[in-house]
C-alpha atoms as a PDB file:
ATOM      1  CA  UNK A   1     103.094 107.564 108.036  1.00  0.00           C
ATOM      2  CA  UNK A   2     104.831 106.753 104.867  1.00  0.00           C
ATOM      3  CA  UNK A   3     107.658 104.493 104.794  1.00  0.00           C
ATOM      4  CA  UNK A   4     110.403 105.951 103.634  1.00  0.00           C
ATOM      5  CA  UNK A   5     109.032 103.227 103.092  1.00  0.00           C
ATOM      6  CA  UNK A   6     109.276 102.397 101.471  1.00  0.00           C
ATOM      7  CA  UNK A   7     106.997 104.679 100.808  1.00  0.00           C
ATOM      8  CA  UNK A   8     110.501 106.386  98.147  1.00  0.00           C
ATOM      9  CA  UNK A   9     113.617 107.388 100.011  1.00  0.00           C
ATOM     10  CA  UNK A  10     115.627 108.491  96.981  1.00  0.00           C
ATOM     11  CA  UNK A  11     112.845 110.897  96.003  1.00  0.00           C
ATOM     12  CA  UNK A  12     113.265 112.805  99.284  1.00  0.00           C
ATOM     13  CA  UNK A  13     115.114 115.769  97.739  1.00  0.00           C
ATOM     14  CA  UNK A  14     112.522 116.345  95.014  1.00  0.00           C
ATOM     15  CA  UNK A  15     109.749 116.043  97.635  1.00  0.00           C
ATOM     16  CA  UNK A  16     111.378 118.798  99.695  1.00  0.00           C
ATOM     17  CA  UNK A  17     111.415 121.067  96.648  1.00  0.00           C
ATOM     18  CA  UNK A  18     107.719 120.361  96.006  1.00  0.00           C
ATOM     19  CA  UNK A  19     106.870 121.064  99.658  1.00  0.00           C
ATOM     20  CA  UNK A  20     108.794 124.336  99.603  1.00  0.00           C
ATOM     21  CA  UNK A  21     107.077 125.522  96.416  1.00  0.00           C
ATOM     22  CA  UNK A  22     103.626 124.608  97.714  1.00  0.00           C
ATOM     23  CA  UNK A  23     104.120 126.299 101.079  1.00  0.00           C
ATOM     24  CA  UNK A  24     105.272 129.500  99.351  1.00  0.00           C
ATOM     25  CA  UNK A  25     101.881 129.654  97.640  1.00  0.00           C
ATOM     26  CA  UNK A  26     100.004 129.437 100.957  1.00  0.00           C
ATOM     27  CA  UNK A  27      98.919 133.113 101.163  1.00  0.00           C
ATOM     28  CA  UNK A  28      97.550 133.117  97.606  1.00  0.00           C
ATOM     29  CA  UNK A  29      95.739 129.778  98.002  1.00  0.00           C
ATOM     30  CA  UNK A  30      94.201 130.787 101.327  1.00  0.00           C
ATOM     31  CA  UNK A  31      93.061 134.099  99.851  1.00  0.00           C
ATOM     32  CA  UNK A  32      91.415 132.364  96.903  1.00  0.00           C
ATOM     33  CA  UNK A  33      89.740 129.917  99.252  1.00  0.00           C
ATOM     34  CA  UNK A  34      88.301 132.714 101.391  1.00  0.00           C
ATOM     35  CA  UNK A  35      86.990 134.488  98.284  1.00  0.00           C
ATOM     36  CA  UNK A  36      85.035 131.412  97.200  1.00  0.00           C
ATOM     37  CA  UNK A  37      82.080 132.552  99.251  1.00  0.00           C
ATOM     38  CA  UNK A  38      79.569 130.811 101.490  1.00  0.00           C
ATOM     39  CA  UNK A  39      78.507 128.459  98.739  1.00  0.00           C
ATOM     40  CA  UNK A  40      81.906 126.868  98.926  1.00  0.00           C
ATOM     41  CA  UNK A  41      81.278 125.888 102.536  1.00  0.00           C
ATOM     42  CA  UNK A  42      77.562 125.184 102.363  1.00  0.00           C
ATOM     43  CA  UNK A  43      77.371 122.930  99.307  1.00  0.00           C
ATOM     44  CA  UNK A  44      80.802 121.424  98.604  1.00  0.00           C
ATOM     45  CA  UNK A  45      79.194 118.233  97.335  1.00  0.00           C
ATOM     46  CA  UNK A  46      77.770 119.940  94.261  1.00  0.00           C
ATOM     47  CA  UNK A  47      80.989 120.237  92.251  1.00  0.00           C
ATOM     48  CA  UNK A  48      84.104 118.045  92.220  1.00  0.00           C
ATOM     49  CA  UNK A  49      86.451 121.034  92.342  1.00  0.00           C
ATOM     50  CA  UNK A  50      85.214 121.825  95.855  1.00  0.00           C
ATOM     51  CA  UNK A  51      86.508 118.473  97.082  1.00  0.00           C
ATOM     52  CA  UNK A  52      89.775 119.088  95.274  1.00  0.00           C
ATOM     53  CA  UNK A  53      90.090 122.438  97.021  1.00  0.00           C
ATOM     54  CA  UNK A  54      89.757 120.848 100.461  1.00  0.00           C
ATOM     55  CA  UNK A  55      92.300 118.195  99.477  1.00  0.00           C
ATOM     56  CA  UNK A  56      94.628 121.027  98.507  1.00  0.00           C
ATOM     57  CA  UNK A  57      94.100 122.683 101.887  1.00  0.00           C
ATOM     58  CA  UNK A  58      95.095 119.441 103.619  1.00  0.00           C
ATOM     59  CA  UNK A  59      98.238 119.112 101.486  1.00  0.00           C
ATOM     60  CA  UNK A  60      99.012 122.777 102.085  1.00  0.00           C
ATOM     61  CA  UNK A  61      98.736 122.309 105.857  1.00  0.00           C
ATOM     62  CA  UNK A  62     101.311 119.503 105.728  1.00  0.00           C
ATOM     63  CA  UNK A  63     103.610 121.535 103.472  1.00  0.00           C
ATOM     64  CA  UNK A  64     103.435 124.595 105.719  1.00  0.00           C
ATOM     65  CA  UNK A  65     104.192 122.539 108.809  1.00  0.00           C
ATOM     66  CA  UNK A  66     107.188 120.939 107.117  1.00  0.00           C
ATOM     67  CA  UNK A  67     108.500 124.302 105.951  1.00  0.00           C
ATOM     68  CA  UNK A  68     107.978 125.990 109.335  1.00  0.00           C
ATOM     69  CA  UNK A  69     105.040 128.212 108.361  1.00  0.00           C
ATOM     70  CA  UNK A  70     102.964 127.303 111.419  1.00  0.00           C
ATOM     71  CA  UNK A  71     100.608 130.269 111.053  1.00  0.00           C
ATOM     72  CA  UNK A  72      99.481 129.351 107.528  1.00  0.00           C
ATOM     73  CA  UNK A  73      99.182 125.715 108.560  1.00  0.00           C
ATOM     74  CA  UNK A  74      96.824 126.696 111.385  1.00  0.00           C
ATOM     75  CA  UNK A  75      94.720 128.766 108.990  1.00  0.00           C
ATOM     76  CA  UNK A  76      94.377 125.730 106.701  1.00  0.00           C
ATOM     77  CA  UNK A  77      93.364 123.536 109.631  1.00  0.00           C
ATOM     78  CA  UNK A  78      90.799 126.104 110.815  1.00  0.00           C
ATOM     79  CA  UNK A  79      89.282 126.244 107.304  1.00  0.00           C
ATOM     80  CA  UNK A  80      89.008 122.457 107.255  1.00  0.00           C
ATOM     81  CA  UNK A  81      87.473 122.457 110.742  1.00  0.00           C
ATOM     82  CA  UNK A  82      84.867 125.016 109.676  1.00  0.00           C
ATOM     83  CA  UNK A  83      83.723 122.635 106.942  1.00  0.00           C
ATOM     84  CA  UNK A  84      84.121 119.190 108.503  1.00  0.00           C
ATOM     85  CA  UNK A  85      83.919 119.983 112.213  1.00  0.00           C
ATOM     86  CA  UNK A  86      86.572 120.055 114.922  1.00  0.00           C
ATOM     87  CA  UNK A  87      85.898 116.433 115.864  1.00  0.00           C
ATOM     88  CA  UNK A  88      86.648 115.113 112.358  1.00  0.00           C
ATOM     89  CA  UNK A  89      89.415 112.480 112.543  1.00  0.00           C
ATOM     90  CA  UNK A  90      91.662 114.107 109.959  1.00  0.00           C
ATOM     91  CA  UNK A  91      91.157 117.573 111.400  1.00  0.00           C
ATOM     92  CA  UNK A  92      91.965 116.299 114.887  1.00  0.00           C
ATOM     93  CA  UNK A  93      95.126 114.626 113.621  1.00  0.00           C
ATOM     94  CA  UNK A  94      96.201 117.772 111.734  1.00  0.00           C
ATOM     95  CA  UNK A  95      95.652 119.896 114.827  1.00  0.00           C
ATOM     96  CA  UNK A  96      97.673 117.409 116.846  1.00  0.00           C
ATOM     97  CA  UNK A  97     100.450 117.565 114.262  1.00  0.00           C
ATOM     98  CA  UNK A  98     100.418 121.360 114.525  1.00  0.00           C
ATOM     99  CA  UNK A  99     100.741 121.124 118.306  1.00  0.00           C
ATOM    100  CA  UNK A 100     103.676 118.745 117.886  1.00  0.00           C
ATOM    101  CA  UNK A 101     105.360 121.078 115.424  1.00  0.00           C
ATOM    102  CA  UNK A 102     105.008 124.074 117.743  1.00  0.00           C
ATOM    103  CA  UNK A 103     105.946 122.193 120.946  1.00  0.00           C
ATOM    104  CA  UNK A 104     108.861 123.898 122.631  1.00  0.00           C
ATOM    105  CA  UNK A 105     110.148 121.010 124.737  1.00  0.00           C
ATOM    106  CA  UNK A 106     109.734 117.327 125.534  1.00  0.00           C
ATOM    107  CA  UNK A 107     107.099 118.079 128.175  1.00  0.00           C
ATOM    108  CA  UNK A 108     104.903 119.691 125.512  1.00  0.00           C
ATOM    109  CA  UNK A 109     105.315 116.629 123.295  1.00  0.00           C
ATOM    110  CA  UNK A 110     104.362 114.391 126.211  1.00  0.00           C
ATOM    111  CA  UNK A 111     101.230 116.502 126.610  1.00  0.00           C
ATOM    112  CA  UNK A 112     100.404 115.858 122.922  1.00  0.00           C
ATOM    113  CA  UNK A 113     100.822 112.147 123.560  1.00  0.00           C
ATOM    114  CA  UNK A 114      98.499 112.396 126.574  1.00  0.00           C
ATOM    115  CA  UNK A 115      95.835 114.015 124.354  1.00  0.00           C
ATOM    116  CA  UNK A 116      96.185 111.234 121.775  1.00  0.00           C
ATOM    117  CA  UNK A 117      95.759 108.618 124.492  1.00  0.00           C
ATOM    118  CA  UNK A 118      92.629 110.380 125.722  1.00  0.00           C
ATOM    119  CA  UNK A 119      91.127 110.431 122.221  1.00  0.00           C
ATOM    120  CA  UNK A 120      91.922 106.741 121.683  1.00  0.00           C
ATOM    121  CA  UNK A 121      90.402 105.775 125.012  1.00  0.00           C
ATOM    122  CA  UNK A 122      87.010 106.834 123.640  1.00  0.00           C
ATOM    123  CA  UNK A 123      87.699 106.018 119.971  1.00  0.00           C
ATOM    124  CA  UNK A 124      90.171 103.070 119.834  1.00  0.00           C
ATOM    125  CA  UNK A 125      90.181 102.783 116.026  1.00  0.00           C
ATOM    126  CA  UNK A 126      90.748 106.439 115.183  1.00  0.00           C
ATOM    127  CA  UNK A 127      93.324 105.680 112.492  1.00  0.00           C
ATOM    128  CA  UNK A 128      94.769 109.184 111.961  1.00  0.00           C
ATOM    129  CA  UNK A 129      95.349 109.526 115.711  1.00  0.00           C
ATOM    130  CA  UNK A 130      96.777 106.005 115.952  1.00  0.00           C
ATOM    131  CA  UNK A 131      99.299 106.943 113.274  1.00  0.00           C
ATOM    132  CA  UNK A 132     100.144 110.290 114.856  1.00  0.00           C
ATOM    133  CA  UNK A 133     100.664 108.552 118.196  1.00  0.00           C
ATOM    134  CA  UNK A 134     103.120 106.066 116.642  1.00  0.00           C
ATOM    135  CA  UNK A 135     105.028 108.860 114.907  1.00  0.00           C
ATOM    136  CA  UNK A 136     105.223 110.833 118.146  1.00  0.00           C
ATOM    137  CA  UNK A 137     106.429 107.806 120.105  1.00  0.00           C
ATOM    138  CA  UNK A 138     109.206 107.339 117.547  1.00  0.00           C
ATOM    139  CA  UNK A 139     110.247 110.981 117.838  1.00  0.00           C
ATOM    140  CA  UNK A 140     110.392 110.495 121.620  1.00  0.00           C
ATOM    141  CA  UNK A 141     112.645 107.439 121.111  1.00  0.00           C
ATOM    142  CA  UNK A 142     110.043 105.098 122.609  1.00  0.00           C
ATOM    143  CA  UNK A 143     110.354 102.456 119.902  1.00  0.00           C
ATOM    144  CA  UNK A 144     108.949  99.526 121.883  1.00  0.00           C
ATOM    145  CA  UNK A 145     105.730 101.444 122.562  1.00  0.00           C
ATOM    146  CA  UNK A 146     105.642 102.508 118.913  1.00  0.00           C
ATOM    147  CA  UNK A 147     105.828  98.839 117.865  1.00  0.00           C
ATOM    148  CA  UNK A 148     102.929  98.033 120.198  1.00  0.00           C
ATOM    149  CA  UNK A 149     100.969 100.934 118.724  1.00  0.00           C
ATOM    150  CA  UNK A 150     101.558  99.740 115.164  1.00  0.00           C
ATOM    151  CA  UNK A 151     100.479  96.219 116.031  1.00  0.00           C
ATOM    152  CA  UNK A 152      97.311  97.722 117.496  1.00  0.00           C
ATOM    153  CA  UNK A 153      96.779  99.689 114.279  1.00  0.00           C
ATOM    154  CA  UNK A 154      97.333  96.622 112.105  1.00  0.00           C
ATOM    155  CA  UNK A 155      94.891  94.619 114.198  1.00  0.00           C
ATOM    156  CA  UNK A 156      92.289  97.182 113.121  1.00  0.00           C
ATOM    157  CA  UNK A 157      93.488  97.577 109.513  1.00  0.00           C
ATOM    158  CA  UNK A 158      95.660  94.608 108.466  1.00  0.00           C
ATOM    159  CA  UNK A 159      95.785  95.848 104.840  1.00  0.00           C
ATOM    160  CA  UNK A 160      97.743  99.023 105.602  1.00  0.00           C
ATOM    161  CA  UNK A 161     100.965  98.376 103.670  1.00  0.00           C
ATOM    162  CA  UNK A 162     102.615 101.565 104.921  1.00  0.00           C
ATOM    163  CA  UNK A 163     102.047 100.490 108.516  1.00  0.00           C
ATOM    164  CA  UNK A 164     103.659  97.095 107.796  1.00  0.00           C
ATOM    165  CA  UNK A 165     106.688  98.879 106.310  1.00  0.00           C
ATOM    166  CA  UNK A 166     106.884 101.203 109.294  1.00  0.00           C
ATOM    167  CA  UNK A 167     106.709  98.203 111.603  1.00  0.00           C
ATOM    168  CA  UNK A 168     109.515  96.531 109.676  1.00  0.00           C
ATOM    169  CA  UNK A 169     111.649  99.644 110.080  1.00  0.00           C
ATOM    170  CA  UNK A 170     111.034  99.686 113.823  1.00  0.00           C
ATOM    171  CA  UNK A 171     111.809  95.976 114.174  1.00  0.00           C
ATOM    172  CA  UNK A 172     115.034  96.435 112.220  1.00  0.00           C
ATOM    173  CA  UNK A 173     116.058  99.345 114.446  1.00  0.00           C
ATOM    174  CA  UNK A 174     115.706  97.027 117.433  1.00  0.00           C
ATOM    175  CA  UNK A 175     117.770  94.251 115.821  1.00  0.00           C
ATOM    176  CA  UNK A 176     114.713  92.046 115.202  1.00  0.00           C
ATOM    177  CA  UNK A 177     115.498  91.184 111.599  1.00  0.00           C
ATOM    178  CA  UNK A 178     113.277  88.111 111.273  1.00  0.00           C
ATOM    179  CA  UNK A 179     110.266  90.151 112.410  1.00  0.00           C
ATOM    180  CA  UNK A 180     111.243  92.900 109.961  1.00  0.00           C
ATOM    181  CA  UNK A 181     111.384  90.370 107.114  1.00  0.00           C
ATOM    182  CA  UNK A 182     107.953  89.021 108.082  1.00  0.00           C
ATOM    183  CA  UNK A 183     106.467  92.543 108.139  1.00  0.00           C
ATOM    184  CA  UNK A 184     107.813  93.372 104.682  1.00  0.00           C
ATOM    185  CA  UNK A 185     106.529  90.070 103.319  1.00  0.00           C
ATOM    186  CA  UNK A 186     103.096  91.012 104.654  1.00  0.00           C
ATOM    187  CA  UNK A 187     103.377  94.385 102.925  1.00  0.00           C
ATOM    188  CA  UNK A 188     104.200  92.670  99.619  1.00  0.00           C
ATOM    189  CA  UNK A 189     101.048  90.586  99.885  1.00  0.00           C
ATOM    190  CA  UNK A 190      99.144  93.878  99.784  1.00  0.00           C
ATOM    191  CA  UNK A 191     101.305  95.758  97.249  1.00  0.00           C
ATOM    192  CA  UNK A 192     103.084  93.041  95.232  1.00  0.00           C
ATOM    193  CA  UNK A 193     104.316  95.517  92.600  1.00  0.00           C
ATOM    194  CA  UNK A 194     105.919  97.979  95.017  1.00  0.00           C
ATOM    195  CA  UNK A 195     109.514  97.911  93.811  1.00  0.00           C
ATOM    196  CA  UNK A 196     110.754  99.907  96.802  1.00  0.00           C
ATOM    197  CA  UNK A 197     109.344  97.307  99.222  1.00  0.00           C
ATOM    198  CA  UNK A 198     111.014  94.482  97.282  1.00  0.00           C
ATOM    199  CA  UNK A 199     114.252  96.444  97.509  1.00  0.00           C
ATOM    200  CA  UNK A 200     113.826  97.150 101.222  1.00  0.00           C
ATOM    201  CA  UNK A 201     113.292  93.451 101.893  1.00  0.00           C
ATOM    202  CA  UNK A 202     116.451  92.722  99.938  1.00  0.00           C
ATOM    203  CA  UNK A 203     118.336  95.253 102.077  1.00  0.00           C
ATOM    204  CA  UNK A 204     117.139  93.678 105.332  1.00  0.00           C
ATOM    205  CA  UNK A 205     118.155  90.210 104.131  1.00  0.00           C
ATOM    206  CA  UNK A 206     121.534  91.584 103.032  1.00  0.00           C
ATOM    207  CA  UNK A 207     122.148  93.070 106.482  1.00  0.00           C
ATOM    208  CA  UNK A 208     121.323  89.675 108.017  1.00  0.00           C
ATOM    209  CA  UNK A 209     123.767  87.961 105.654  1.00  0.00           C
ATOM    210  CA  UNK A 210     126.557  90.291 106.718  1.00  0.00           C
ATOM    211  CA  UNK A 211     126.454  89.038 110.296  1.00  0.00           C
ATOM    212  CA  UNK A 212     126.047  85.262 110.123  1.00  0.00           C
ATOM    213  CA  UNK A 213     127.973  82.114 109.165  1.00  0.00           C
ATOM    214  CA  UNK A 214     128.966  81.505 105.557  1.00  0.00           C
ATOM    215  CA  UNK A 215     126.383  78.817 104.823  1.00  0.00           C
ATOM    216  CA  UNK A 216     123.409  80.831 106.059  1.00  0.00           C
ATOM    217  CA  UNK A 217     124.846  83.985 104.513  1.00  0.00           C
ATOM    218  CA  UNK A 218     124.883  82.373 101.054  1.00  0.00           C
ATOM    219  CA  UNK A 219     121.238  81.391 101.468  1.00  0.00           C
ATOM    220  CA  UNK A 220     120.234  84.903 102.583  1.00  0.00           C
ATOM    221  CA  UNK A 221     122.223  86.539  99.794  1.00  0.00           C
ATOM    222  CA  UNK A 222     120.497  84.422  97.166  1.00  0.00           C
ATOM    223  CA  UNK A 223     117.154  85.500  98.577  1.00  0.00           C
ATOM    224  CA  UNK A 224     118.030  89.182  98.681  1.00  0.00           C
ATOM    225  CA  UNK A 225     119.391  89.057  95.112  1.00  0.00           C
ATOM    226  CA  UNK A 226     116.006  87.789  93.925  1.00  0.00           C
ATOM    227  CA  UNK A 227     114.249  90.701  95.644  1.00  0.00           C
ATOM    228  CA  UNK A 228     116.689  93.231  94.164  1.00  0.00           C
ATOM    229  CA  UNK A 229     116.129  91.702  90.723  1.00  0.00           C
ATOM    230  CA  UNK A 230     112.375  91.964  91.177  1.00  0.00           C
ATOM    231  CA  UNK A 231     112.611  95.625  92.200  1.00  0.00           C
ATOM    232  CA  UNK A 232     114.609  96.376  89.034  1.00  0.00           C
ATOM    233  CA  UNK A 233     112.213  94.350  86.922  1.00  0.00           C
ATOM    234  CA  UNK A 234     109.388  96.550  88.202  1.00  0.00           C
ATOM    235  CA  UNK A 235     111.393  99.789  87.918  1.00  0.00           C
ATOM    236  CA  UNK A 236     114.404  99.514  85.621  1.00  0.00           C
ATOM    237  CA  UNK A 237     115.904 102.843  86.789  1.00  0.00           C
ATOM    238  CA  UNK A 238     115.572 102.144  90.516  1.00  0.00           C
ATOM    239  CA  UNK A 239     118.939 103.197  91.907  1.00  0.00           C
ATOM    240  CA  UNK A 240     118.681 101.457  95.271  1.00  0.00           C
ATOM    241  CA  UNK A 241     117.751  98.169  93.601  1.00  0.00           C
ATOM    242  CA  UNK A 242     120.725  98.345  91.237  1.00  0.00           C
ATOM    243  CA  UNK A 243     123.034  99.327  94.090  1.00  0.00           C
ATOM    244  CA  UNK A 244     121.762  96.425  96.196  1.00  0.00           C
ATOM    245  CA  UNK A 245     122.097  93.958  93.342  1.00  0.00           C
ATOM    246  CA  UNK A 246     125.708  94.986  92.738  1.00  0.00           C
ATOM    247  CA  UNK A 247     126.853  94.733  96.355  1.00  0.00           C
ATOM    248  CA  UNK A 248     124.905  91.508  97.021  1.00  0.00           C
ATOM    249  CA  UNK A 249     126.233  89.670  93.969  1.00  0.00           C
ATOM    250  CA  UNK A 250     129.746  90.898  94.753  1.00  0.00           C
ATOM    251  CA  UNK A 251     129.535  89.524  98.292  1.00  0.00           C
ATOM    252  CA  UNK A 252     128.031  86.202  97.213  1.00  0.00           C
ATOM    253  CA  UNK A 253     130.761  85.743  94.603  1.00  0.00           C
ATOM    254  CA  UNK A 254     133.319  86.169  97.386  1.00  0.00           C
ATOM    255  CA  UNK A 255     131.557  83.762  99.731  1.00  0.00           C
ATOM    256  CA  UNK A 256     130.995  81.105  97.047  1.00  0.00           C
ATOM    257  CA  UNK A 257     134.740  80.599  96.792  1.00  0.00           C
ATOM    258  CA  UNK A 258     134.768  79.684 100.493  1.00  0.00           C
ATOM    259  CA  UNK A 259     131.593  77.640 100.397  1.00  0.00           C
ATOM    260  CA  UNK A 260     131.333  76.197  96.884  1.00  0.00           C
ATOM    261  CA  UNK A 261     130.087  72.801  98.082  1.00  0.00           C
ATOM    262  CA  UNK A 262     127.034  74.229  99.834  1.00  0.00           C
ATOM    263  CA  UNK A 263     126.243  76.516  96.952  1.00  0.00           C
ATOM    264  CA  UNK A 264     126.375  73.858  94.271  1.00  0.00           C
ATOM    265  CA  UNK A 265     124.406  71.349  96.324  1.00  0.00           C
ATOM    266  CA  UNK A 266     121.535  73.719  97.083  1.00  0.00           C
ATOM    267  CA  UNK A 267     118.434  73.519  94.918  1.00  0.00           C
ATOM    268  CA  UNK A 268     118.209  77.313  95.044  1.00  0.00           C
ATOM    269  CA  UNK A 269     121.836  77.911  94.154  1.00  0.00           C
ATOM    270  CA  UNK A 270     122.939  80.404  91.503  1.00  0.00           C
ATOM    271  CA  UNK A 271     125.741  79.557  89.151  1.00  0.00           C
ATOM    272  CA  UNK A 272     128.883  81.652  89.176  1.00  0.00           C
ATOM    273  CA  UNK A 273     128.213  82.692  85.576  1.00  0.00           C
ATOM    274  CA  UNK A 274     124.730  83.928  86.512  1.00  0.00           C
ATOM    275  CA  UNK A 275     126.088  85.908  89.439  1.00  0.00           C
ATOM    276  CA  UNK A 276     128.815  87.453  87.314  1.00  0.00           C
ATOM    277  CA  UNK A 277     126.280  88.422  84.651  1.00  0.00           C
ATOM    278  CA  UNK A 278     124.004  90.073  87.224  1.00  0.00           C
ATOM    279  CA  UNK A 279     126.964  91.809  88.832  1.00  0.00           C
ATOM    280  CA  UNK A 280     128.161  93.189  85.489  1.00  0.00           C
ATOM    281  CA  UNK A 281     124.639  94.262  84.524  1.00  0.00           C
ATOM    282  CA  UNK A 282     124.139  96.177  87.782  1.00  0.00           C
ATOM    283  CA  UNK A 283     127.565  97.835  87.553  1.00  0.00           C
ATOM    284  CA  UNK A 284     127.054  98.951  83.965  1.00  0.00           C
ATOM    285  CA  UNK A 285     123.592 100.361  84.691  1.00  0.00           C
ATOM    286  CA  UNK A 286     124.979 102.276  87.700  1.00  0.00           C
ATOM    287  CA  UNK A 287     127.811 103.673  85.583  1.00  0.00           C
ATOM    288  CA  UNK A 288     125.320 104.717  82.911  1.00  0.00           C
ATOM    289  CA  UNK A 289     123.117 106.527  85.442  1.00  0.00           C
ATOM    290  CA  UNK A 290     126.091 108.341  86.986  1.00  0.00           C
ATOM    291  CA  UNK A 291     127.333 109.367  83.524  1.00  0.00           C
ATOM    292  CA  UNK A 292     123.907 110.689  82.519  1.00  0.00           C
ATOM    293  CA  UNK A 293     123.574 112.583  85.797  1.00  0.00           C
ATOM    294  CA  UNK A 294     126.988 114.168  85.266  1.00  0.00           C
ATOM    295  CA  UNK A 295     125.892 115.535  81.892  1.00  0.00           C
ATOM    296  CA  UNK A 296     122.385 116.526  83.015  1.00  0.00           C
ATOM    297  CA  UNK A 297     122.335 117.977  86.532  1.00  0.00           C
ATOM    298  CA  UNK A 298     118.552 118.259  86.405  1.00  0.00           C
ATOM    299  CA  UNK A 299     117.954 114.572  85.715  1.00  0.00           C
ATOM    300  CA  UNK A 300     114.765 113.617  87.543  1.00  0.00           C
ATOM    301  CA  UNK A 301     114.525 110.919  90.173  1.00  0.00           C
ATOM    302  CA  UNK A 302     117.903 110.696  91.906  1.00  0.00           C
ATOM    303  CA  UNK A 303     118.957 112.387  95.120  1.00  0.00           C
ATOM    304  CA  UNK A 304     122.452 113.822  95.407  1.00  0.00           C
ATOM    305  CA  UNK A 305     123.338 111.650  98.417  1.00  0.00           C
ATOM    306  CA  UNK A 306     122.385 108.454  96.596  1.00  0.00           C
ATOM    307  CA  UNK A 307     124.424 109.397  93.533  1.00  0.00           C
ATOM    308  CA  UNK A 308     127.454 110.187  95.702  1.00  0.00           C
ATOM    309  CA  UNK A 309     127.128 106.763  97.362  1.00  0.00           C
ATOM    310  CA  UNK A 310     126.987 105.074  93.946  1.00  0.00           C
ATOM    311  CA  UNK A 311     130.068 106.961  92.715  1.00  0.00           C
ATOM    312  CA  UNK A 312     131.998 105.948  95.838  1.00  0.00           C
ATOM    313  CA  UNK A 313     130.968 102.313  95.321  1.00  0.00           C
ATOM    314  CA  UNK A 314     132.101 102.351  91.699  1.00  0.00           C
ATOM    315  CA  UNK A 315     135.359 104.077  92.649  1.00  0.00           C
ATOM    316  CA  UNK A 316     136.100 101.343  95.201  1.00  0.00           C
ATOM    317  CA  UNK A 317     135.362  98.701  92.603  1.00  0.00           C
ATOM    318  CA  UNK A 318     137.638 100.346  90.033  1.00  0.00           C
ATOM    319  CA  UNK A 319     140.494 100.717  92.542  1.00  0.00           C
ATOM    320  CA  UNK A 320     140.175  97.050  93.537  1.00  0.00           C
ATOM    321  CA  UNK A 321     140.166  95.999  89.871  1.00  0.00           C
ATOM    322  CA  UNK A 322     143.370  97.898  89.040  1.00  0.00           C
END
């Protein structure tokens, strides 16, 4: 249940390519696995590569499901079940995911949810099933129940940073920004160097600043700028962090002219010169990334949609400056 989060959004395109390539290798990998012989299944603890092979089967099952190869995915799940047993938590969750992927209508998805509830009634802390249940509730547009499910999961495992990020996303979708901020702050206690989580927290604070009075907006913008700066400090090429820093400093520079007294009196205020320097830095780094991407279409790490958004932002800035 990764957050797009955090965990991570701008890498989506490259992840899809990886998934597609892996799923295309499914027949060959499954054939090699079947040729490994009984020893592979009887004594997998003897050699590390056996464990790696089962990890590969799990990854392959996910890739096949995402690419629509349900038959190969089921073969992977059956191989895992033959080794670890049908009642294994991960195997059960994978089989449930397969049933979700092959469900033909909402009634079939509701039946999957019923099965998850039955499993959790006898095993309340079955984490893979708890996560599948939350994901299914979200796909059924039952966000309030999904929030309750995540809280239940975090009661069992409060150190699951991905679950905190998922909870933040759900809170934000329901307009509960303060709860979303709290959830992301909890995630940062667990993964303090996760630049994408710092950036996501900055984005939530920025969205709050866009819909409040000038005084509170200035305070929220200063906070979100610090989180954007931290995300860039941890990952200098992080496009979302640079984008956020540029738009947040631009907005605060506008609002400071209307609320200079509050800004200068606050202990946490940022000088106009500092804001202008950060704004210029972010703009120049964005321009540099766009220029490099234009000359190297295979530049790693940036999705096409994100680069288009950056180009549109820079174009608006240039038109306003003319």
